[in-house]
């Protein structure tokens, strides 16, 4: 691509991303720490805020304070991201980094606080109403992070510089957006699969049982999805900011020739390094290599017969003989025209026949000769007798007879066992033993028992004075009844607030059901999670509400 065309449309998007990856990999550790020092606290606080607001029992009391702290951490993150971009821009320009003081950092903080919060409104609008195309919106706020340091505390100068870098080369910007979107989807899928398989790997490899391994549906909640998105942001946002650092630098180089100055500094550094290398060669390496006191190398004097003998010894080694052509027998030359497959079958058949003839045939011949000696009527040869001689043939005969008798008996016994298994056997039905769940444990589900068994357990616990456990049994009976009528869908990660919302959505014609269950759930929360004592009155009220729910509807 010519220089004039590159100035008009910019370099290819893939080449721009490759240079950004190279720049990010070559950055020192301090540059990466600048990014994560600001981004990691905000991401962790956002995850906690989301989990608390969706599942916290007293989330409404902490909402204002938590939102204020989250806003402060958002500005903190954007300021450090601008510092990260400024340090990368200094490396692109091949300039030494200026000293970072409190005043410079505060200027960046003020600039980013005036611009970046508007992105919280611009991004949803670009996605929902398409008021601003999403690639333009992303490019503008990324360039605002890059231009924060050069603006020197002026929000207007920062906005103008970011706008000039955004509108230049729109085709390149949209191509970068498409490539980064494809990479983002791949990273999201990989993170979701990796995090989703961790509980199962912990159970499979370490034997650690957990709630997620028991139910796959426990992973399908908003907190898990939000955590995957947060990790993907931490992985991909540094690369996106590096891309727009390089893009802004090339866009501004058209007017201020910053790229030429950067190349000049690079060539000056390379010239200095070359000068040092030449001086080292001239004053150190060459004198050492040409020292006069170095002993001369002995001349090579090898006779031709010795050389030929040494070559033959070397060429006969296995390292070289494997490359020599294999000598073929006359039979192989005759069967070369048959084809590879038929020749291979012929060779395998010959090998199997030779093996059977040499090993199996000889074994059967030896066994036949032994049996003939043992059970033939011929008299045994006269052996020398004496105190040290042993009649081993008689003992061998007895051993063979014993082995045959034992083998025949074992076969008969196995046949008898097999025949006996065919006869029908009547087994007495064992009484059903039901393991009652332990209500003191947290992970107890309402679908472990029918509602009537929960009520019976509640009355038994109330008779023993355990009102807290009895109230939980009545609460689980209510959930079991609602699940049987398909008014709620049981899940271990659902809260009572989510169950009430599901009831309101599925039982619109009968508003009594959500009200009765909500009262029972409120009593259960106060007794089980709070300090409110249980009593017979609370249990009786919960049972009456359950009877009212049973009478309502089909």
Protein backbone atom coordinates (compact mmCIF):
# COMPACT_ATOMS: atom_id res chain seq x y z
CA UNK A 1 0.00 0.00 0.00
CA UNK A 2 1.42 3.38 -1.02
CA UNK A 3 1.96 6.20 1.44
CA UNK A 4 -0.75 8.41 -0.09
CA UNK A 5 -3.36 5.65 0.03
CA UNK A 6 -2.36 4.81 3.62
CA UNK A 7 -2.90 8.46 4.57
CA UNK A 8 -6.37 8.40 3.01
CA UNK A 9 -7.76 5.12 4.38
CA UNK A 10 -5.24 4.13 7.05
CA UNK A 11 -3.38 0.87 7.41
CA UNK A 12 -5.28 -2.48 7.39
CA UNK A 13 -7.14 -3.27 10.60
CA UNK A 14 -5.40 -6.61 11.14
CA UNK A 15 -1.98 -5.01 10.78
CA UNK A 16 -3.00 -2.32 13.29
CA UNK A 17 -4.10 -4.95 15.82
CA UNK A 18 -0.86 -6.90 15.33
CA UNK A 19 1.22 -3.82 16.07
CA UNK A 20 -0.93 -3.14 19.15
CA UNK A 21 -0.33 -6.69 20.40
CA UNK A 22 3.42 -6.27 19.85
CA UNK A 23 3.38 -2.95 21.73
CA UNK A 24 1.37 -4.42 24.62
CA UNK A 25 3.66 -7.45 24.95
CA UNK A 26 6.77 -5.26 24.98
CA UNK A 27 5.42 -2.89 27.63
CA UNK A 28 7.05 -3.19 31.08
CA UNK A 29 5.23 -4.52 34.10
CA UNK A 30 4.62 -1.05 35.52
CA UNK A 31 2.49 -0.11 32.52
CA UNK A 32 0.24 -3.14 33.03
CA UNK A 33 0.01 -2.40 36.75
CA UNK A 34 -1.27 1.10 35.96
CA UNK A 35 -4.22 -0.42 34.14
CA UNK A 36 -5.10 -3.13 36.65
CA UNK A 37 -4.55 -0.86 39.68
CA UNK A 38 -7.50 1.19 38.50
CA UNK A 39 -9.69 -1.43 36.78
CA UNK A 40 -9.54 -4.39 39.18
CA UNK A 41 -11.08 -2.55 42.21
CA UNK A 42 -13.98 -1.28 40.09
CA UNK A 43 -14.68 -4.71 38.57
CA UNK A 44 -14.66 -6.42 41.98
CA UNK A 45 -16.89 -3.73 43.47
CA UNK A 46 -19.28 -4.02 40.52
CA UNK A 47 -19.57 -7.79 40.98
CA UNK A 48 -20.28 -7.34 44.69
CA UNK A 49 -22.84 -4.60 43.96
CA UNK A 50 -24.65 -6.76 41.41
CA UNK A 51 -24.77 -9.79 43.71
CA UNK A 52 -25.90 -7.72 46.68
CA UNK A 53 -28.62 -5.86 44.79
CA UNK A 54 -30.06 -9.03 43.27
CA UNK A 55 -29.93 -11.30 46.33
CA UNK A 56 -29.33 -9.19 49.43
CA UNK A 57 -32.10 -9.14 51.99
CA UNK A 58 -31.46 -5.47 52.91
CA UNK A 59 -30.14 -4.26 49.56
CA UNK A 60 -32.47 -1.26 49.46
CA UNK A 61 -30.82 0.16 52.58
CA UNK A 62 -27.33 0.00 51.07
CA UNK A 63 -28.19 0.98 47.52
CA UNK A 64 -27.34 4.71 47.72
CA UNK A 65 -24.03 4.29 49.55
CA UNK A 66 -22.96 1.40 47.31
CA UNK A 67 -23.82 3.35 44.14
CA UNK A 68 -21.81 6.35 45.34
CA UNK A 69 -18.75 4.17 46.06
CA UNK A 70 -19.13 2.51 42.67
CA UNK A 71 -19.19 5.89 40.93
CA UNK A 72 -16.00 6.98 42.70
CA UNK A 73 -14.27 3.74 41.69
CA UNK A 74 -15.46 4.27 38.09
CA UNK A 75 -13.71 7.65 37.91
CA UNK A 76 -10.64 6.11 39.57
CA UNK A 77 -10.60 3.40 36.89
CA UNK A 78 -10.92 5.83 33.99
CA UNK A 79 -8.11 8.02 35.33
CA UNK A 80 -5.69 5.08 35.62
CA UNK A 81 -6.70 3.82 32.19
CA UNK A 82 -5.75 7.24 30.79
CA UNK A 83 -2.38 6.96 32.59
CA UNK A 84 -1.93 3.52 31.01
CA UNK A 85 -2.66 4.95 27.55
CA UNK A 86 -0.29 7.90 28.13
CA UNK A 87 2.60 5.62 29.03
CA UNK A 88 1.97 3.47 25.95
CA UNK A 89 1.82 6.60 23.77
CA UNK A 90 5.25 7.66 25.09
CA UNK A 91 6.65 4.29 24.01
CA UNK A 92 5.09 4.66 20.55
CA UNK A 93 6.67 8.12 20.15
CA UNK A 94 10.04 6.68 21.33
CA UNK A 95 10.25 9.46 23.90
CA UNK A 96 11.36 9.20 27.53
CA UNK A 97 8.42 9.25 29.93
CA UNK A 98 7.85 12.50 31.80
CA UNK A 99 7.74 12.45 35.57
CA UNK A 100 4.37 11.60 37.06
CA UNK A 101 3.31 13.95 39.81
CA UNK A 102 0.13 14.50 41.75
CA UNK A 103 -0.77 17.57 39.72
CA UNK A 104 -0.50 15.72 36.39
CA UNK A 105 -2.54 12.81 37.70
CA UNK A 106 -5.26 15.14 39.03
CA UNK A 107 -5.49 16.88 35.65
CA UNK A 108 -6.17 13.52 34.03
CA UNK A 109 -8.74 12.67 36.71
CA UNK A 110 -10.64 15.93 36.13
CA UNK A 111 -10.61 15.49 32.35
CA UNK A 112 -11.87 11.92 32.48
CA UNK A 113 -14.50 12.76 35.11
CA UNK A 114 -15.94 15.37 32.75
CA UNK A 115 -16.07 13.10 29.67
CA UNK A 116 -16.27 9.39 30.53
CA UNK A 117 -19.56 9.30 32.54
CA UNK A 118 -21.41 10.31 29.37
CA UNK A 119 -20.43 6.94 27.94
CA UNK A 120 -22.82 5.27 30.39
CA UNK A 121 -25.64 6.96 28.45
CA UNK A 122 -24.13 6.79 24.97
CA UNK A 123 -23.51 3.03 24.93
CA UNK A 124 -27.10 1.96 25.79
CA UNK A 125 -28.47 4.48 23.27
CA UNK A 126 -26.20 3.17 20.52
CA UNK A 127 -27.33 -0.39 21.24
CA UNK A 128 -31.06 0.24 21.73
CA UNK A 129 -32.14 3.21 19.62
CA UNK A 130 -29.16 3.22 17.23
CA UNK A 131 -28.89 6.98 17.76
CA UNK A 132 -25.10 6.75 17.47
CA UNK A 133 -23.44 3.83 15.71
CA UNK A 134 -21.68 1.65 18.23
CA UNK A 135 -18.20 1.64 16.54
CA UNK A 136 -18.13 5.47 16.54
CA UNK A 137 -19.21 5.59 20.18
CA UNK A 138 -16.56 3.09 21.30
CA UNK A 139 -13.85 4.83 19.29
CA UNK A 140 -14.68 8.27 20.73
CA UNK A 141 -14.48 7.27 24.38
CA UNK A 142 -11.37 5.13 23.82
CA UNK A 143 -9.68 8.11 22.10
CA UNK A 144 -10.78 10.30 25.03
CA UNK A 145 -8.77 8.01 27.33
CA UNK A 146 -5.77 8.30 25.00
CA UNK A 147 -5.99 12.11 24.75
CA UNK A 148 -6.44 12.73 28.48
CA UNK A 149 -2.77 13.38 29.25
CA UNK A 150 -2.07 15.61 26.23
CA UNK A 151 -5.08 17.82 27.01
CA UNK A 152 -3.34 19.04 30.21
CA UNK A 153 -6.54 19.29 32.22
CA UNK A 154 -8.72 20.87 29.52
CA UNK A 155 -11.84 18.79 28.87
CA UNK A 156 -12.60 20.78 25.71
CA UNK A 157 -9.15 20.12 24.21
CA UNK A 158 -9.47 16.45 25.08
CA UNK A 159 -12.89 16.20 23.42
CA UNK A 160 -11.69 17.94 20.23
CA UNK A 161 -8.62 15.74 19.97
CA UNK A 162 -10.67 12.57 20.54
CA UNK A 163 -13.23 13.64 17.92
CA UNK A 164 -10.54 14.31 15.28
CA UNK A 165 -9.04 10.86 15.88
CA UNK A 166 -12.49 9.22 15.76
CA UNK A 167 -13.73 10.61 12.45
CA UNK A 168 -10.51 9.84 10.59
CA UNK A 169 -10.44 6.56 8.66
CA UNK A 170 -13.98 5.29 9.41
CA UNK A 171 -13.46 2.11 7.38
CA UNK A 172 -10.47 1.16 9.49
CA UNK A 173 -12.42 1.87 12.68
CA UNK A 174 -15.34 -0.36 11.64
CA UNK A 175 -12.97 -3.15 10.57
CA UNK A 176 -11.20 -2.99 13.96
CA UNK A 177 -14.61 -3.13 15.67
CA UNK A 178 -15.60 -6.25 13.70
CA UNK A 179 -12.35 -8.08 14.44
CA UNK A 180 -12.45 -7.20 18.14
CA UNK A 181 -16.09 -8.30 18.31
CA UNK A 182 -15.16 -11.72 16.89
CA UNK A 183 -12.29 -12.04 19.39
CA UNK A 184 -14.63 -10.99 22.22
CA UNK A 185 -17.14 -13.72 21.37
CA UNK A 186 -14.38 -16.33 21.36
CA UNK A 187 -13.02 -15.14 24.71
CA UNK A 188 -16.52 -15.15 26.25
CA UNK A 189 -17.16 -18.74 25.14
CA UNK A 190 -13.76 -19.91 26.43
CA UNK A 191 -14.19 -18.20 29.79
CA UNK A 192 -17.74 -19.54 30.22
CA UNK A 193 -16.65 -23.11 29.45
CA UNK A 194 -13.56 -22.86 31.68
CA UNK A 195 -15.39 -21.37 34.68
CA UNK A 196 -18.37 -23.68 34.22
CA UNK A 197 -16.18 -26.80 34.22
CA UNK A 198 -14.20 -25.85 37.35
CA UNK A 199 -16.79 -27.21 39.87
CA UNK A 200 -17.02 -30.51 37.98
CA UNK A 201 -13.23 -30.82 37.76
CA UNK A 202 -12.95 -30.13 41.49
CA UNK A 203 -15.44 -32.89 42.20
CA UNK A 204 -13.88 -35.31 39.68
CA UNK A 205 -10.21 -34.78 40.55
CA UNK A 206 -10.24 -33.67 44.19
CA UNK A 207 -13.53 -35.12 45.43
CA UNK A 208 -14.81 -31.70 46.53
CA UNK A 209 -18.61 -31.82 46.36
CA UNK A 210 -20.26 -28.47 45.72
CA UNK A 211 -23.59 -26.95 44.87
CA UNK A 212 -22.67 -26.22 41.25
CA UNK A 213 -21.67 -29.83 40.54
CA UNK A 214 -25.00 -31.07 41.94
CA UNK A 215 -27.08 -28.82 39.71
CA UNK A 216 -26.05 -27.41 36.35
CA UNK A 217 -28.82 -24.86 36.67
CA UNK A 218 -26.98 -23.24 39.58
CA UNK A 219 -24.45 -21.87 37.09
CA UNK A 220 -27.13 -20.29 34.93
CA UNK A 221 -27.60 -17.16 37.00
CA UNK A 222 -26.92 -13.51 36.43
CA UNK A 223 -23.89 -13.37 38.75
CA UNK A 224 -22.07 -16.06 36.74
CA UNK A 225 -22.82 -14.29 33.45
CA UNK A 226 -21.72 -10.97 34.93
CA UNK A 227 -18.47 -12.53 36.19
CA UNK A 228 -17.68 -13.92 32.73
CA UNK A 229 -18.28 -10.48 31.19
CA UNK A 230 -16.05 -8.82 33.80
CA UNK A 231 -13.16 -11.23 33.16
CA UNK A 232 -13.51 -10.74 29.40
CA UNK A 233 -13.34 -6.97 29.94
CA UNK A 234 -10.12 -7.30 31.95
CA UNK A 235 -8.60 -9.43 29.17
CA UNK A 236 -9.64 -7.45 26.08
CA UNK A 237 -9.91 -3.81 27.16
CA UNK A 238 -6.08 -3.29 27.45
CA UNK A 239 -5.73 -4.51 23.87
CA UNK A 240 -8.53 -2.20 22.68
CA UNK A 241 -6.92 0.81 24.34
CA UNK A 242 -3.54 -0.09 22.83
CA UNK A 243 -5.15 -0.28 19.37
CA UNK A 244 -6.56 3.23 19.75
CA UNK A 245 -3.24 4.50 21.11
CA UNK A 246 -1.56 3.41 17.86
CA UNK A 247 -4.48 4.67 15.77
CA UNK A 248 -4.46 8.11 17.43
CA UNK A 249 -0.69 8.37 17.00
CA UNK A 250 -0.88 7.59 13.28
CA UNK A 251 -3.82 9.96 12.82
CA UNK A 252 -2.00 12.87 14.45
CA UNK A 253 1.27 12.07 12.66
CA UNK A 254 -0.23 13.34 9.40
CA UNK A 255 -0.16 16.89 10.81
CA UNK A 256 2.74 16.93 13.27
CA UNK A 257 5.08 14.29 11.69
CA UNK A 258 5.42 12.50 15.02
CA UNK A 259 6.04 9.19 13.23
CA UNK A 260 9.10 10.64 11.44
CA UNK A 261 10.55 11.91 14.70
CA UNK A 262 9.96 8.50 16.29
CA UNK A 263 11.79 6.78 13.42
CA UNK A 264 14.63 9.28 13.69
CA UNK A 265 15.00 8.56 17.40
CA UNK A 266 14.96 4.84 16.67
CA UNK A 267 17.66 5.16 14.02
CA UNK A 268 19.76 7.30 16.34
CA UNK A 269 19.53 4.66 19.03
CA UNK A 270 20.39 1.96 16.49
CA UNK A 271 23.37 4.03 15.26
CA UNK A 272 24.64 4.41 18.82
CA UNK A 273 24.34 0.66 19.39
CA UNK A 274 26.15 -0.04 16.10
CA UNK A 275 28.95 2.35 17.04
CA UNK A 276 29.44 0.60 20.38
CA UNK A 277 29.48 -2.79 18.63
CA UNK A 278 32.07 -1.63 16.09
CA UNK A 279 34.28 -0.22 18.81
CA UNK A 280 34.05 -3.49 20.71
CA UNK A 281 35.02 -5.48 17.60
CA UNK A 282 37.87 -3.13 16.69
CA UNK A 283 39.49 -2.86 20.12
CA UNK A 284 38.58 -6.16 21.81
CA UNK A 285 37.59 -8.94 19.45
CA UNK A 286 40.13 -8.43 16.63
CA UNK A 287 43.23 -8.14 18.90
CA UNK A 288 42.25 -11.27 20.79
CA UNK A 289 41.74 -13.22 17.55
CA UNK A 290 45.06 -12.11 16.05
CA UNK A 291 47.38 -12.62 18.98
CA UNK A 292 50.86 -13.55 17.87
CA UNK A 293 51.53 -15.93 20.76
CA UNK A 294 48.68 -18.24 19.83
CA UNK A 295 50.01 -21.71 18.85
CA UNK A 296 49.48 -22.59 15.18
CA UNK A 297 47.04 -25.32 14.37
CA UNK A 298 48.66 -28.67 13.53
CA UNK A 299 48.43 -29.66 9.86
CA UNK A 300 46.07 -32.46 8.96
CA UNK A 301 47.92 -35.56 7.87
CA UNK A 302 45.63 -38.56 7.28
CA UNK A 303 46.53 -41.39 4.96
CA UNK A 304 43.94 -42.41 2.34
CA UNK A 305 43.59 -46.07 3.51
CA UNK A 306 42.98 -44.98 7.11
CA UNK A 307 40.46 -42.38 5.95
CA UNK A 308 38.56 -44.93 3.85
CA UNK A 309 38.51 -47.41 6.75
CA UNK A 310 37.19 -44.75 9.13
CA UNK A 311 34.47 -43.79 6.64
CA UNK A 312 33.36 -47.42 6.29
CA UNK A 313 33.15 -47.81 10.07
CA UNK A 314 31.03 -44.67 10.34
CA UNK A 315 28.74 -45.58 7.43
CA UNK A 316 28.09 -49.04 8.90
CA UNK A 317 26.52 -47.50 12.01
CA UNK A 318 22.69 -47.74 12.45
CA UNK A 319 22.48 -43.96 12.15
CA UNK A 320 23.32 -44.24 8.45
CA UNK A 321 22.37 -47.78 7.41
CA UNK A 322 18.64 -47.09 7.75
CA UNK A 323 18.84 -44.82 4.71
CA UNK A 324 20.53 -47.47 2.52
CA UNK A 325 18.27 -49.36 0.05
CA UNK A 326 17.10 -52.75 1.35
CA UNK A 327 18.39 -55.79 -0.48
CA UNK A 328 15.50 -57.74 -1.98
CA UNK A 329 15.31 -61.51 -2.30
CA UNK A 330 14.31 -63.19 -5.60
CA UNK A 331 10.85 -63.97 -4.18
CA UNK A 332 10.27 -60.30 -3.39
CA UNK A 333 11.34 -59.34 -6.91
CA UNK A 334 8.83 -61.86 -8.32
CA UNK A 335 5.96 -60.54 -6.15
CA UNK A 336 6.72 -56.86 -6.80
CA UNK A 337 4.26 -56.86 -9.71
CA UNK A 338 1.39 -58.20 -7.55
CA UNK A 339 0.69 -54.90 -5.83
CA UNK A 340 1.37 -53.66 -2.35
CA UNK A 341 -1.78 -55.01 -0.68
CA UNK A 342 -1.49 -58.55 -2.08
CA UNK A 343 2.21 -58.66 -1.29
CA UNK A 344 1.50 -57.55 2.28
CA UNK A 345 -1.16 -60.26 2.71
CA UNK A 346 1.19 -62.90 1.31
CA UNK A 347 3.97 -61.85 3.68
CA UNK A 348 1.64 -61.86 6.71
CA UNK A 349 0.31 -65.30 5.86
CA UNK A 350 3.82 -66.70 5.53
CA UNK A 351 4.83 -65.17 8.86
CA UNK A 352 1.80 -66.64 10.67
CA UNK A 353 2.35 -70.06 9.11
CA UNK A 354 6.02 -70.06 10.11
CA UNK A 355 5.12 -69.08 13.69
CA UNK A 356 2.52 -71.84 14.02
CA UNK A 357 4.87 -74.38 12.54
CA UNK A 358 7.83 -73.51 14.76
CA UNK A 359 6.18 -72.80 18.11
CA UNK A 360 2.63 -74.12 18.36
CA UNK A 361 3.36 -77.31 16.41
CA UNK A 362 6.36 -78.13 18.51
CA UNK A 363 4.38 -77.51 21.72
CA UNK A 364 1.64 -79.93 20.65
CA UNK A 365 4.20 -82.54 19.64
CA UNK A 366 5.91 -82.33 23.03
CA UNK A 367 2.54 -82.59 24.82
CA UNK A 368 1.61 -85.65 22.78
CA UNK A 369 4.88 -87.38 23.53
CA UNK A 370 4.48 -86.64 27.25
CA UNK A 371 0.93 -88.04 27.38
CA UNK A 372 2.02 -91.08 25.41
CA UNK A 373 4.75 -91.75 27.94
CA UNK A 374 2.45 -91.22 30.90
CA UNK A 375 -0.51 -93.34 29.81
CA UNK A 376 1.05 -95.96 27.53
CA UNK A 377 1.27 -99.64 28.65
CA UNK A 378 4.93 -99.81 27.89
CA UNK A 379 7.15 -100.41 30.85
CA UNK A 380 9.19 -97.53 31.98
CA UNK A 381 12.89 -97.73 31.35
CA UNK A 382 15.05 -99.04 34.11
CA UNK A 383 16.41 -96.16 36.06
CA UNK A 384 19.26 -96.41 38.50
CA UNK A 385 17.93 -96.77 42.00
CA UNK A 386 19.47 -95.47 45.07
CA UNK A 387 18.94 -93.22 48.04
CA UNK A 388 19.30 -90.00 46.00
CA UNK A 389 17.05 -91.00 43.03
CA UNK A 390 13.38 -89.86 42.81
CA UNK A 391 10.66 -91.65 40.79
CA UNK A 392 9.41 -88.40 39.15
CA UNK A 393 7.44 -90.11 36.36
CA UNK A 394 5.00 -91.75 38.82
CA UNK A 395 4.49 -88.46 40.61
CA UNK A 396 3.90 -86.66 37.32
CA UNK A 397 1.26 -89.20 36.33
CA UNK A 398 -0.56 -88.69 39.63
CA UNK A 399 -0.39 -84.91 39.21
CA UNK A 400 -1.89 -85.05 35.70
CA UNK A 401 -4.72 -87.29 36.93
CA UNK A 402 -5.48 -84.93 39.81
CA UNK A 403 -5.50 -81.91 37.47
CA UNK A 404 -7.90 -83.62 35.07
CA UNK A 405 -10.27 -84.71 37.87
CA UNK A 406 -10.27 -81.21 39.40
CA UNK A 407 -10.88 -79.60 36.00
CA UNK A 408 -13.82 -81.87 35.19
CA UNK A 409 -15.30 -81.29 38.64
CA UNK A 410 -14.97 -77.50 38.29
CA UNK A 411 -16.70 -77.56 34.89
CA UNK A 412 -19.58 -79.63 36.33
CA UNK A 413 -19.95 -77.25 39.27
CA UNK A 414 -20.06 -74.21 36.96
CA UNK A 415 -22.72 -75.89 34.79
CA UNK A 416 -24.76 -76.62 37.91
CA UNK A 417 -24.49 -73.00 39.04
CA UNK A 418 -25.57 -71.73 35.63
CA UNK A 419 -28.53 -74.11 35.55
CA UNK A 420 -29.54 -73.11 39.06
CA UNK A 421 -29.66 -69.42 38.13
CA UNK A 422 -32.34 -70.15 35.55
CA UNK A 423 -34.81 -71.21 38.21
CA UNK A 424 -37.07 -68.33 39.31
CA UNK A 425 -36.36 -67.09 42.78
CA UNK A 426 -38.93 -65.32 44.89
CA UNK A 427 -37.48 -62.53 46.94
CA UNK A 428 -39.25 -61.02 49.85
CA UNK A 429 -39.99 -57.39 49.35
CA UNK A 430 -37.92 -55.33 51.73
CA UNK A 431 -39.76 -52.57 53.51
CA UNK A 432 -39.13 -49.20 51.95
CA UNK A 433 -36.74 -47.14 54.01
CA UNK A 434 -36.95 -43.42 53.41
CA UNK A 435 -34.10 -41.22 54.49
CA UNK A 436 -35.60 -38.11 55.98
CA UNK A 437 -33.69 -34.94 55.19
CA UNK A 438 -31.79 -33.15 57.94
CA UNK A 439 -33.44 -29.75 58.36
CA UNK A 440 -30.42 -28.36 60.17
CA UNK A 441 -28.46 -28.42 56.91
CA UNK A 442 -28.64 -25.48 54.54
CA UNK A 443 -28.86 -27.47 51.31
CA UNK A 444 -32.32 -29.00 51.78
CA UNK A 445 -34.70 -28.88 48.81
CA UNK A 446 -38.48 -28.93 48.91
CA UNK A 447 -38.67 -31.71 46.30
CA UNK A 448 -37.03 -34.25 48.65
CA UNK A 449 -40.42 -35.08 50.28
CA UNK A 450 -44.11 -34.67 49.38
CA UNK A 451 -45.99 -31.87 51.08
CA UNK A 452 -47.90 -34.21 53.40
CA UNK A 453 -44.63 -35.73 54.68
CA UNK A 454 -43.28 -32.22 55.32
CA UNK A 455 -46.42 -31.40 57.33
CA UNK A 456 -46.08 -34.63 59.34
CA UNK A 457 -42.43 -33.83 60.06
CA UNK A 458 -43.39 -30.28 61.10
CA UNK A 459 -45.97 -31.54 63.59
CA UNK A 460 -43.52 -34.06 65.01
CA UNK A 461 -40.85 -31.35 65.45
CA UNK A 462 -43.37 -28.97 66.99
CA UNK A 463 -44.35 -31.70 69.47
CA UNK A 464 -40.70 -31.91 70.54
CA UNK A 465 -40.49 -28.14 70.94
CA UNK A 466 -38.25 -27.52 67.91
CA UNK A 467 -40.36 -24.71 66.48
CA UNK A 468 -37.63 -23.28 64.28
CA UNK A 469 -37.18 -26.53 62.34
CA UNK A 470 -40.95 -27.09 62.28
CA UNK A 471 -41.53 -23.72 60.63
CA UNK A 472 -38.94 -24.57 57.99
CA UNK A 473 -40.73 -27.87 57.30
CA UNK A 474 -44.05 -26.04 56.75
CA UNK A 475 -42.25 -23.54 54.47
CA UNK A 476 -40.80 -26.42 52.41
CA UNK A 477 -44.25 -28.05 52.28
CA UNK A 478 -45.63 -24.82 50.78
CA UNK A 479 -42.89 -24.80 48.14
CA UNK A 480 -43.51 -28.50 47.37
CA UNK A 481 -47.23 -27.81 46.89
CA UNK A 482 -46.59 -24.83 44.61
CA UNK A 483 -44.07 -26.83 42.58
CA UNK A 484 -46.58 -29.70 42.21
CA UNK A 485 -49.11 -27.24 40.79
CA UNK A 486 -46.35 -25.84 38.50
CA UNK A 487 -46.73 -22.35 39.96
CA UNK A 488 -43.02 -22.17 40.78
CA UNK A 489 -39.95 -23.96 39.52
CA UNK A 490 -37.65 -25.10 42.32
CA UNK A 491 -33.99 -24.13 42.13
CA UNK A 492 -31.35 -24.02 44.90
CA UNK A 493 -30.15 -20.56 43.90
CA UNK A 494 -33.57 -18.86 43.99
CA UNK A 495 -34.52 -16.53 46.81
CA UNK A 496 -37.95 -16.00 48.35
CA UNK A 497 -38.17 -12.71 46.51
CA UNK A 498 -37.71 -14.51 43.19
CA UNK A 499 -40.31 -17.13 44.17
CA UNK A 500 -42.83 -14.37 44.97
CA UNK A 501 -42.20 -12.69 41.61
CA UNK A 502 -42.66 -16.00 39.84
CA UNK A 503 -45.94 -16.59 41.70
CA UNK A 504 -47.22 -13.12 40.81
CA UNK A 505 -46.42 -13.81 37.17
CA UNK A 506 -47.97 -17.30 37.00
CA UNK A 507 -51.03 -16.83 39.24
CA UNK A 508 -52.41 -13.54 38.01
CA UNK A 509 -56.03 -14.69 38.46
CA UNK A 510 -55.51 -15.67 42.10
CA UNK A 511 -53.66 -12.90 43.97
CA UNK A 512 -54.30 -14.71 47.27
CA UNK A 513 -51.59 -17.30 46.56
CA UNK A 514 -48.63 -14.85 46.36
CA UNK A 515 -49.88 -13.02 49.45
CA UNK A 516 -50.24 -16.19 51.55
CA UNK A 517 -46.87 -17.58 50.47
CA UNK A 518 -45.20 -14.20 50.97
CA UNK A 519 -46.44 -14.09 54.58
CA UNK A 520 -45.10 -17.62 55.24
CA UNK A 521 -41.76 -16.79 53.59
CA UNK A 522 -41.46 -13.58 55.65
CA UNK A 523 -42.04 -15.49 58.90
CA UNK A 524 -39.51 -18.11 57.83
CA UNK A 525 -36.85 -15.47 56.98
CA UNK A 526 -37.31 -13.73 60.37
CA UNK A 527 -37.06 -17.00 62.30
CA UNK A 528 -34.43 -18.85 60.23
CA UNK A 529 -32.09 -16.00 59.32
CA UNK A 530 -32.98 -13.49 62.00
CA UNK A 531 -33.38 -13.51 65.76
CA UNK A 532 -37.18 -13.86 65.92
CA UNK A 533 -38.13 -16.92 68.05
CA UNK A 534 -40.42 -19.62 66.66
CA UNK A 535 -43.71 -20.53 68.30
CA UNK A 536 -46.74 -22.74 67.90
CA UNK A 537 -48.74 -19.77 66.69
CA UNK A 538 -46.39 -19.13 63.76
CA UNK A 539 -46.52 -22.80 62.76
CA UNK A 540 -50.32 -22.87 62.99
CA UNK A 541 -50.57 -19.72 60.90
CA UNK A 542 -48.24 -21.18 58.26
CA UNK A 543 -50.32 -24.40 58.10
CA UNK A 544 -53.53 -22.40 57.75
CA UNK A 545 -52.01 -20.39 54.92
CA UNK A 546 -51.00 -23.63 53.19
CA UNK A 547 -54.58 -24.95 53.52
CA UNK A 548 -55.85 -21.67 52.08
CA UNK A 549 -53.47 -22.04 49.09
CA UNK A 550 -54.68 -25.62 48.61
CA UNK A 551 -58.32 -24.53 48.51
CA UNK A 552 -57.51 -21.78 46.01
CA UNK A 553 -57.47 -22.74 42.37
CA UNK A 554 -57.56 -26.23 40.82
